[in-house]
Amino acid sequence: MTKRFLMILVLGLLWCGNVYAWCSPEFGGLFDWSKEHKQCGDYARSLNVDQFRQTDAYCQCRIRLDNLERYGVENID
């Protein structure tokens, strides 16, 4: 039973076409359901570019929001 469940889980993850951006250990993880994740994901998908540029846009958005929260500025280093 456990083997069947694991096989279904692995196949389900392989079937899924979503790519998760790993920008930093602080954010962008597999289990990230924050409002920042949703905002940056929506922004990146709205750009109408390829997946690599969407990932870059997502990471830049997360860095900007993180800098804004920590330091009060939106600098991208």
PDB file of N, CA and C in Angstrom:
ATOM      1  N   MET A   1       0.821  -1.187   0.000  1.00  0.00           N
ATOM      2  CA  MET A   1       0.000   0.000   0.000  1.00  0.00           C
ATOM      3  C   MET A   1       0.875   1.266   0.000  1.00  0.00           C
ATOM      4  N   THR A   2       1.926   1.242   0.799  1.00  0.00           N
ATOM      5  CA  THR A   2       2.814   2.404   0.872  1.00  0.00           C
ATOM      6  C   THR A   2       3.550   2.607  -0.441  1.00  0.00           C
ATOM      7  N   LYS A   3       3.983   1.518  -1.061  1.00  0.00           N
ATOM      8  CA  LYS A   3       4.683   1.625  -2.342  1.00  0.00           C
ATOM      9  C   LYS A   3       3.760   2.211  -3.406  1.00  0.00           C
ATOM     10  N   ARG A   4       2.521   1.804  -3.398  1.00  0.00           N
ATOM     11  CA  ARG A   4       1.555   2.311  -4.372  1.00  0.00           C
ATOM     12  C   ARG A   4       1.325   3.812  -4.162  1.00  0.00           C
ATOM     13  N   PHE A   5       1.204   4.225  -2.914  1.00  0.00           N
ATOM     14  CA  PHE A   5       1.016   5.639  -2.611  1.00  0.00           C
ATOM     15  C   PHE A   5       2.228   6.464  -3.060  1.00  0.00           C
ATOM     16  N   LEU A   6       3.426   5.982  -2.763  1.00  0.00           N
ATOM     17  CA  LEU A   6       4.630   6.698  -3.180  1.00  0.00           C
ATOM     18  C   LEU A   6       4.744   6.769  -4.699  1.00  0.00           C
ATOM     19  N   MET A   7       4.377   5.701  -5.379  1.00  0.00           N
ATOM     20  CA  MET A   7       4.434   5.692  -6.843  1.00  0.00           C
ATOM     21  C   MET A   7       3.449   6.709  -7.426  1.00  0.00           C
ATOM     22  N   ILE A   8       2.250   6.768  -6.864  1.00  0.00           N
ATOM     23  CA  ILE A   8       1.263   7.740  -7.324  1.00  0.00           C
ATOM     24  C   ILE A   8       1.755   9.153  -7.051  1.00  0.00           C
ATOM     25  N   LEU A   9       2.356   9.377  -5.907  1.00  0.00           N
ATOM     26  CA  LEU A   9       2.885  10.692  -5.564  1.00  0.00           C
ATOM     27  C   LEU A   9       4.002  11.113  -6.518  1.00  0.00           C
ATOM     28  N   VAL A  10       4.928  10.226  -6.788  1.00  0.00           N
ATOM     29  CA  VAL A  10       6.044  10.532  -7.695  1.00  0.00           C
ATOM     30  C   VAL A  10       5.527  10.783  -9.107  1.00  0.00           C
ATOM     31  N   LEU A  11       4.648   9.949  -9.590  1.00  0.00           N
ATOM     32  CA  LEU A  11       4.092  10.150 -10.926  1.00  0.00           C
ATOM     33  C   LEU A  11       3.287  11.451 -11.013  1.00  0.00           C
ATOM     34  N   GLY A  12       2.582  11.775  -9.954  1.00  0.00           N
ATOM     35  CA  GLY A  12       1.836  13.028  -9.929  1.00  0.00           C
ATOM     36  C   GLY A  12       2.756  14.235  -9.999  1.00  0.00           C
ATOM     37  N   LEU A  13       3.880  14.171  -9.304  1.00  0.00           N
ATOM     38  CA  LEU A  13       4.837  15.271  -9.365  1.00  0.00           C
ATOM     39  C   LEU A  13       5.499  15.364 -10.731  1.00  0.00           C
ATOM     40  N   LEU A  14       5.754  14.224 -11.350  1.00  0.00           N
ATOM     41  CA  LEU A  14       6.349  14.239 -12.682  1.00  0.00           C
ATOM     42  C   LEU A  14       5.362  14.724 -13.732  1.00  0.00           C
ATOM     43  N   TRP A  15       4.098  14.418 -13.539  1.00  0.00           N
ATOM     44  CA  TRP A  15       3.060  14.809 -14.486  1.00  0.00           C
ATOM     45  C   TRP A  15       2.831  16.317 -14.455  1.00  0.00           C
ATOM     46  N   CYS A  16       2.996  16.892 -13.284  1.00  0.00           N
ATOM     47  CA  CYS A  16       2.774  18.322 -13.091  1.00  0.00           C
ATOM     48  C   CYS A  16       3.777  19.120 -13.920  1.00  0.00           C
ATOM     49  N   GLY A  17       3.320  20.145 -14.610  1.00  0.00           N
ATOM     50  CA  GLY A  17       4.184  20.937 -15.466  1.00  0.00           C
ATOM     51  C   GLY A  17       4.722  22.192 -14.810  1.00  0.00           C
ATOM     52  N   ASN A  18       4.405  22.416 -13.554  1.00  0.00           N
ATOM     53  CA  ASN A  18       4.855  23.631 -12.885  1.00  0.00           C
ATOM     54  C   ASN A  18       6.318  23.519 -12.495  1.00  0.00           C
ATOM     55  N   VAL A  19       6.999  24.649 -12.592  1.00  0.00           N
ATOM     56  CA  VAL A  19       8.392  24.718 -12.185  1.00  0.00           C
ATOM     57  C   VAL A  19       8.469  25.648 -10.993  1.00  0.00           C
ATOM     58  N   TYR A  20       9.192  25.209  -9.988  1.00  0.00           N
ATOM     59  CA  TYR A  20       9.328  26.025  -8.794  1.00  0.00           C
ATOM     60  C   TYR A  20      10.672  26.731  -8.815  1.00  0.00           C
ATOM     61  N   ALA A  21      10.654  28.021  -8.579  1.00  0.00           N
ATOM     62  CA  ALA A  21      11.881  28.814  -8.586  1.00  0.00           C
ATOM     63  C   ALA A  21      12.542  28.721  -7.212  1.00  0.00           C
ATOM     64  N   TRP A  22      13.809  28.419  -7.217  1.00  0.00           N
ATOM     65  CA  TRP A  22      14.584  28.357  -5.981  1.00  0.00           C
ATOM     66  C   TRP A  22      15.531  29.542  -5.966  1.00  0.00           C
ATOM     67  N   CYS A  23      15.032  30.700  -5.620  1.00  0.00           N
ATOM     68  CA  CYS A  23      15.819  31.933  -5.661  1.00  0.00           C
ATOM     69  C   CYS A  23      16.782  32.011  -4.487  1.00  0.00           C
ATOM     70  N   SER A  24      16.346  31.566  -3.359  1.00  0.00           N
ATOM     71  CA  SER A  24      17.117  31.696  -2.144  1.00  0.00           C
ATOM     72  C   SER A  24      16.562  30.688  -1.141  1.00  0.00           C
ATOM     73  N   PRO A  25      17.363  30.292  -0.183  1.00  0.00           N
ATOM     74  CA  PRO A  25      16.809  29.400   0.856  1.00  0.00           C
ATOM     75  C   PRO A  25      15.714  30.070   1.678  1.00  0.00           C
ATOM     76  N   GLU A  26      15.661  31.407   1.649  1.00  0.00           N
ATOM     77  CA  GLU A  26      14.684  32.135   2.455  1.00  0.00           C
ATOM     78  C   GLU A  26      13.286  32.113   1.871  1.00  0.00           C
ATOM     79  N   PHE A  27      13.177  32.067   0.546  1.00  0.00           N
ATOM     80  CA  PHE A  27      11.854  32.107  -0.081  1.00  0.00           C
ATOM     81  C   PHE A  27      11.887  31.389  -1.416  1.00  0.00           C
ATOM     82  N   GLY A  28      10.704  31.118  -1.942  1.00  0.00           N
ATOM     83  CA  GLY A  28      10.586  30.427  -3.218  1.00  0.00           C
ATOM     84  C   GLY A  28      10.668  28.922  -3.096  1.00  0.00           C
ATOM     85  N   GLY A  29      10.374  28.372  -1.926  1.00  0.00           N
ATOM     86  CA  GLY A  29      10.461  26.943  -1.715  1.00  0.00           C
ATOM     87  C   GLY A  29       9.277  26.191  -2.279  1.00  0.00           C
ATOM     88  N   LEU A  30       9.328  24.908  -2.164  1.00  0.00           N
ATOM     89  CA  LEU A  30       8.286  24.042  -2.694  1.00  0.00           C
ATOM     90  C   LEU A  30       6.953  24.265  -1.978  1.00  0.00           C
ATOM     91  N   PHE A  31       6.989  24.514  -0.693  1.00  0.00           N
ATOM     92  CA  PHE A  31       5.769  24.696   0.088  1.00  0.00           C
ATOM     93  C   PHE A  31       5.641  26.146   0.532  1.00  0.00           C
ATOM     94  N   ASP A  32       5.590  27.047  -0.408  1.00  0.00           N
ATOM     95  CA  ASP A  32       5.493  28.475  -0.128  1.00  0.00           C
ATOM     96  C   ASP A  32       4.124  28.958  -0.572  1.00  0.00           C
ATOM     97  N   TRP A  33       3.271  29.273   0.404  1.00  0.00           N
ATOM     98  CA  TRP A  33       1.930  29.752   0.083  1.00  0.00           C
ATOM     99  C   TRP A  33       1.728  31.167   0.590  1.00  0.00           C
ATOM    100  N   SER A  34       2.789  31.956   0.608  1.00  0.00           N
ATOM    101  CA  SER A  34       2.690  33.318   1.117  1.00  0.00           C
ATOM    102  C   SER A  34       2.037  34.230   0.079  1.00  0.00           C
ATOM    103  N   LYS A  35       1.604  35.397   0.549  1.00  0.00           N
ATOM    104  CA  LYS A  35       0.991  36.355  -0.372  1.00  0.00           C
ATOM    105  C   LYS A  35       2.028  36.890  -1.355  1.00  0.00           C
ATOM    106  N   GLU A  36       3.303  36.986  -0.926  1.00  0.00           N
ATOM    107  CA  GLU A  36       4.363  37.435  -1.821  1.00  0.00           C
ATOM    108  C   GLU A  36       4.571  36.449  -2.963  1.00  0.00           C
ATOM    109  N   HIS A  37       4.479  35.158  -2.644  1.00  0.00           N
ATOM    110  CA  HIS A  37       4.631  34.123  -3.668  1.00  0.00           C
ATOM    111  C   HIS A  37       3.537  34.254  -4.722  1.00  0.00           C
ATOM    112  N   LYS A  38       2.324  34.473  -4.263  1.00  0.00           N
ATOM    113  CA  LYS A  38       1.203  34.618  -5.201  1.00  0.00           C
ATOM    114  C   LYS A  38       1.362  35.877  -6.055  1.00  0.00           C
ATOM    115  N   GLN A  39       1.717  36.989  -5.426  1.00  0.00           N
ATOM    116  CA  GLN A  39       1.875  38.241  -6.162  1.00  0.00           C
ATOM    117  C   GLN A  39       2.976  38.131  -7.217  1.00  0.00           C
ATOM    118  N   CYS A  40       4.125  37.613  -6.827  1.00  0.00           N
ATOM    119  CA  CYS A  40       5.251  37.513  -7.764  1.00  0.00           C
ATOM    120  C   CYS A  40       4.984  36.462  -8.839  1.00  0.00           C
ATOM    121  N   GLY A  41       4.294  35.389  -8.482  1.00  0.00           N
ATOM    122  CA  GLY A  41       3.930  34.384  -9.480  1.00  0.00           C
ATOM    123  C   GLY A  41       2.977  34.940 -10.517  1.00  0.00           C
ATOM    124  N   ASP A  42       1.977  35.684 -10.058  1.00  0.00           N
ATOM    125  CA  ASP A  42       1.034  36.319 -10.996  1.00  0.00           C
ATOM    126  C   ASP A  42       1.753  37.316 -11.894  1.00  0.00           C
ATOM    127  N   TYR A  43       2.664  38.094 -11.300  1.00  0.00           N
ATOM    128  CA  TYR A  43       3.417  39.075 -12.083  1.00  0.00           C
ATOM    129  C   TYR A  43       4.273  38.381 -13.151  1.00  0.00           C
ATOM    130  N   ALA A  44       4.989  37.325 -12.767  1.00  0.00           N
ATOM    131  CA  ALA A  44       5.872  36.636 -13.707  1.00  0.00           C
ATOM    132  C   ALA A  44       5.081  35.981 -14.839  1.00  0.00           C
ATOM    133  N   ARG A  45       3.926  35.400 -14.515  1.00  0.00           N
ATOM    134  CA  ARG A  45       3.113  34.760 -15.554  1.00  0.00           C
ATOM    135  C   ARG A  45       2.500  35.777 -16.502  1.00  0.00           C
ATOM    136  N   SER A  46       2.295  37.004 -16.038  1.00  0.00           N
ATOM    137  CA  SER A  46       1.663  38.021 -16.874  1.00  0.00           C
ATOM    138  C   SER A  46       2.613  38.626 -17.908  1.00  0.00           C
ATOM    139  N   LEU A  47       3.896  38.326 -17.812  1.00  0.00           N
ATOM    140  CA  LEU A  47       4.879  38.962 -18.690  1.00  0.00           C
ATOM    141  C   LEU A  47       4.865  38.439 -20.118  1.00  0.00           C
ATOM    142  N   ASN A  48       4.309  37.277 -20.353  1.00  0.00           N
ATOM    143  CA  ASN A  48       4.238  36.709 -21.705  1.00  0.00           C
ATOM    144  C   ASN A  48       5.622  36.452 -22.308  1.00  0.00           C
ATOM    145  N   VAL A  49       6.521  35.862 -21.512  1.00  0.00           N
ATOM    146  CA  VAL A  49       7.875  35.517 -21.960  1.00  0.00           C
ATOM    147  C   VAL A  49       8.112  34.037 -21.675  1.00  0.00           C
ATOM    148  N   ASP A  50       9.292  33.535 -22.051  1.00  0.00           N
ATOM    149  CA  ASP A  50       9.583  32.118 -21.818  1.00  0.00           C
ATOM    150  C   ASP A  50       9.780  31.831 -20.324  1.00  0.00           C
ATOM    151  N   GLN A  51       9.855  30.544 -19.986  1.00  0.00           N
ATOM    152  CA  GLN A  51       9.901  30.141 -18.580  1.00  0.00           C
ATOM    153  C   GLN A  51      11.153  30.626 -17.864  1.00  0.00           C
ATOM    154  N   PHE A  52      12.278  30.713 -18.570  1.00  0.00           N
ATOM    155  CA  PHE A  52      13.506  31.165 -17.930  1.00  0.00           C
ATOM    156  C   PHE A  52      13.381  32.619 -17.495  1.00  0.00           C
ATOM    157  N   ARG A  53      12.807  33.436 -18.354  1.00  0.00           N
ATOM    158  CA  ARG A  53      12.611  34.847 -18.000  1.00  0.00           C
ATOM    159  C   ARG A  53      11.533  35.007 -16.936  1.00  0.00           C
ATOM    160  N   GLN A  54      10.545  34.136 -16.945  1.00  0.00           N
ATOM    161  CA  GLN A  54       9.542  34.171 -15.887  1.00  0.00           C
ATOM    162  C   GLN A  54      10.181  33.858 -14.542  1.00  0.00           C
ATOM    163  N   THR A  55      11.078  32.875 -14.516  1.00  0.00           N
ATOM    164  CA  THR A  55      11.768  32.533 -13.276  1.00  0.00           C
ATOM    165  C   THR A  55      12.618  33.693 -12.792  1.00  0.00           C
ATOM    166  N   ASP A  56      13.336  34.331 -13.708  1.00  0.00           N
ATOM    167  CA  ASP A  56      14.144  35.498 -13.338  1.00  0.00           C
ATOM    168  C   ASP A  56      13.270  36.624 -12.801  1.00  0.00           C
ATOM    169  N   ALA A  57      12.139  36.868 -13.455  1.00  0.00           N
ATOM    170  CA  ALA A  57      11.230  37.925 -13.013  1.00  0.00           C
ATOM    171  C   ALA A  57      10.654  37.607 -11.636  1.00  0.00           C
ATOM    172  N   TYR A  58      10.326  36.330 -11.406  1.00  0.00           N
ATOM    173  CA  TYR A  58       9.810  35.915 -10.104  1.00  0.00           C
ATOM    174  C   TYR A  58      10.852  36.162  -9.014  1.00  0.00           C
ATOM    175  N   CYS A  59      12.088  35.753  -9.277  1.00  0.00           N
ATOM    176  CA  CYS A  59      13.140  35.925  -8.277  1.00  0.00           C
ATOM    177  C   CYS A  59      13.416  37.400  -8.004  1.00  0.00           C
ATOM    178  N   GLN A  60      13.448  38.212  -9.041  1.00  0.00           N
ATOM    179  CA  GLN A  60      13.665  39.640  -8.842  1.00  0.00           C
ATOM    180  C   GLN A  60      12.532  40.267  -8.047  1.00  0.00           C
ATOM    181  N   CYS A  61      11.326  39.839  -8.313  1.00  0.00           N
ATOM    182  CA  CYS A  61      10.171  40.340  -7.572  1.00  0.00           C
ATOM    183  C   CYS A  61      10.283  39.968  -6.094  1.00  0.00           C
ATOM    184  N   ARG A  62      10.640  38.714  -5.811  1.00  0.00           N
ATOM    185  CA  ARG A  62      10.765  38.280  -4.420  1.00  0.00           C
ATOM    186  C   ARG A  62      11.878  39.035  -3.707  1.00  0.00           C
ATOM    187  N   ILE A  63      12.983  39.286  -4.405  1.00  0.00           N
ATOM    188  CA  ILE A  63      14.092  40.031  -3.798  1.00  0.00           C
ATOM    189  C   ILE A  63      13.660  41.467  -3.515  1.00  0.00           C
ATOM    190  N   ARG A  64      12.956  42.086  -4.472  1.00  0.00           N
ATOM    191  CA  ARG A  64      12.480  43.459  -4.264  1.00  0.00           C
ATOM    192  C   ARG A  64      11.544  43.535  -3.060  1.00  0.00           C
ATOM    193  N   LEU A  65      10.595  42.604  -2.976  1.00  0.00           N
ATOM    194  CA  LEU A  65       9.654  42.622  -1.851  1.00  0.00           C
ATOM    195  C   LEU A  65      10.359  42.365  -0.526  1.00  0.00           C
ATOM    196  N   ASP A  66      11.347  41.475  -0.539  1.00  0.00           N
ATOM    197  CA  ASP A  66      12.103  41.188   0.679  1.00  0.00           C
ATOM    198  C   ASP A  66      12.915  42.412   1.113  1.00  0.00           C
ATOM    199  N   ASN A  67      13.559  43.074   0.153  1.00  0.00           N
ATOM    200  CA  ASN A  67      14.319  44.289   0.485  1.00  0.00           C
ATOM    201  C   ASN A  67      13.396  45.393   0.980  1.00  0.00           C
ATOM    202  N   LEU A  68      12.219  45.505   0.373  1.00  0.00           N
ATOM    203  CA  LEU A  68      11.256  46.520   0.801  1.00  0.00           C
ATOM    204  C   LEU A  68      10.814  46.272   2.236  1.00  0.00           C
ATOM    205  N   GLU A  69      10.577  45.008   2.569  1.00  0.00           N
ATOM    206  CA  GLU A  69      10.143  44.665   3.920  1.00  0.00           C
ATOM    207  C   GLU A  69      11.267  44.875   4.934  1.00  0.00           C
ATOM    208  N   ARG A  70      12.482  44.464   4.599  1.00  0.00           N
ATOM    209  CA  ARG A  70      13.597  44.555   5.550  1.00  0.00           C
ATOM    210  C   ARG A  70      14.173  45.960   5.680  1.00  0.00           C
ATOM    211  N   TYR A  71      14.395  46.609   4.528  1.00  0.00           N
ATOM    212  CA  TYR A  71      15.159  47.850   4.525  1.00  0.00           C
ATOM    213  C   TYR A  71      14.354  49.076   4.098  1.00  0.00           C
ATOM    214  N   GLY A  72      13.170  48.878   3.588  1.00  0.00           N
ATOM    215  CA  GLY A  72      12.350  49.996   3.153  1.00  0.00           C
ATOM    216  C   GLY A  72      12.669  50.502   1.768  1.00  0.00           C
ATOM    217  N   VAL A  73      13.502  49.780   1.020  1.00  0.00           N
ATOM    218  CA  VAL A  73      13.835  50.144  -0.358  1.00  0.00           C
ATOM    219  C   VAL A  73      13.685  48.909  -1.241  1.00  0.00           C
ATOM    220  N   GLU A  74      13.529  49.111  -2.552  1.00  0.00           N
ATOM    221  CA  GLU A  74      13.336  47.997  -3.480  1.00  0.00           C
ATOM    222  C   GLU A  74      14.593  47.701  -4.298  1.00  0.00           C
ATOM    223  N   ASN A  75      15.757  47.895  -3.767  1.00  0.00           N
ATOM    224  CA  ASN A  75      16.997  47.653  -4.511  1.00  0.00           C
ATOM    225  C   ASN A  75      17.166  46.191  -4.862  1.00  0.00           C
ATOM    226  N   ILE A  76      17.679  45.937  -6.056  1.00  0.00           N
ATOM    227  CA  ILE A  76      18.066  44.589  -6.450  1.00  0.00           C
ATOM    228  C   ILE A  76      19.581  44.583  -6.537  1.00  0.00           C
ATOM    229  N   ASP A  77      20.209  43.822  -5.679  1.00  0.00           N
ATOM    230  CA  ASP A  77      21.688  43.761  -5.667  1.00  0.00           C
ATOM    231  C   ASP A  77      22.201  42.814  -6.706  1.00  0.00           C
TER     232      ASP A  77
END
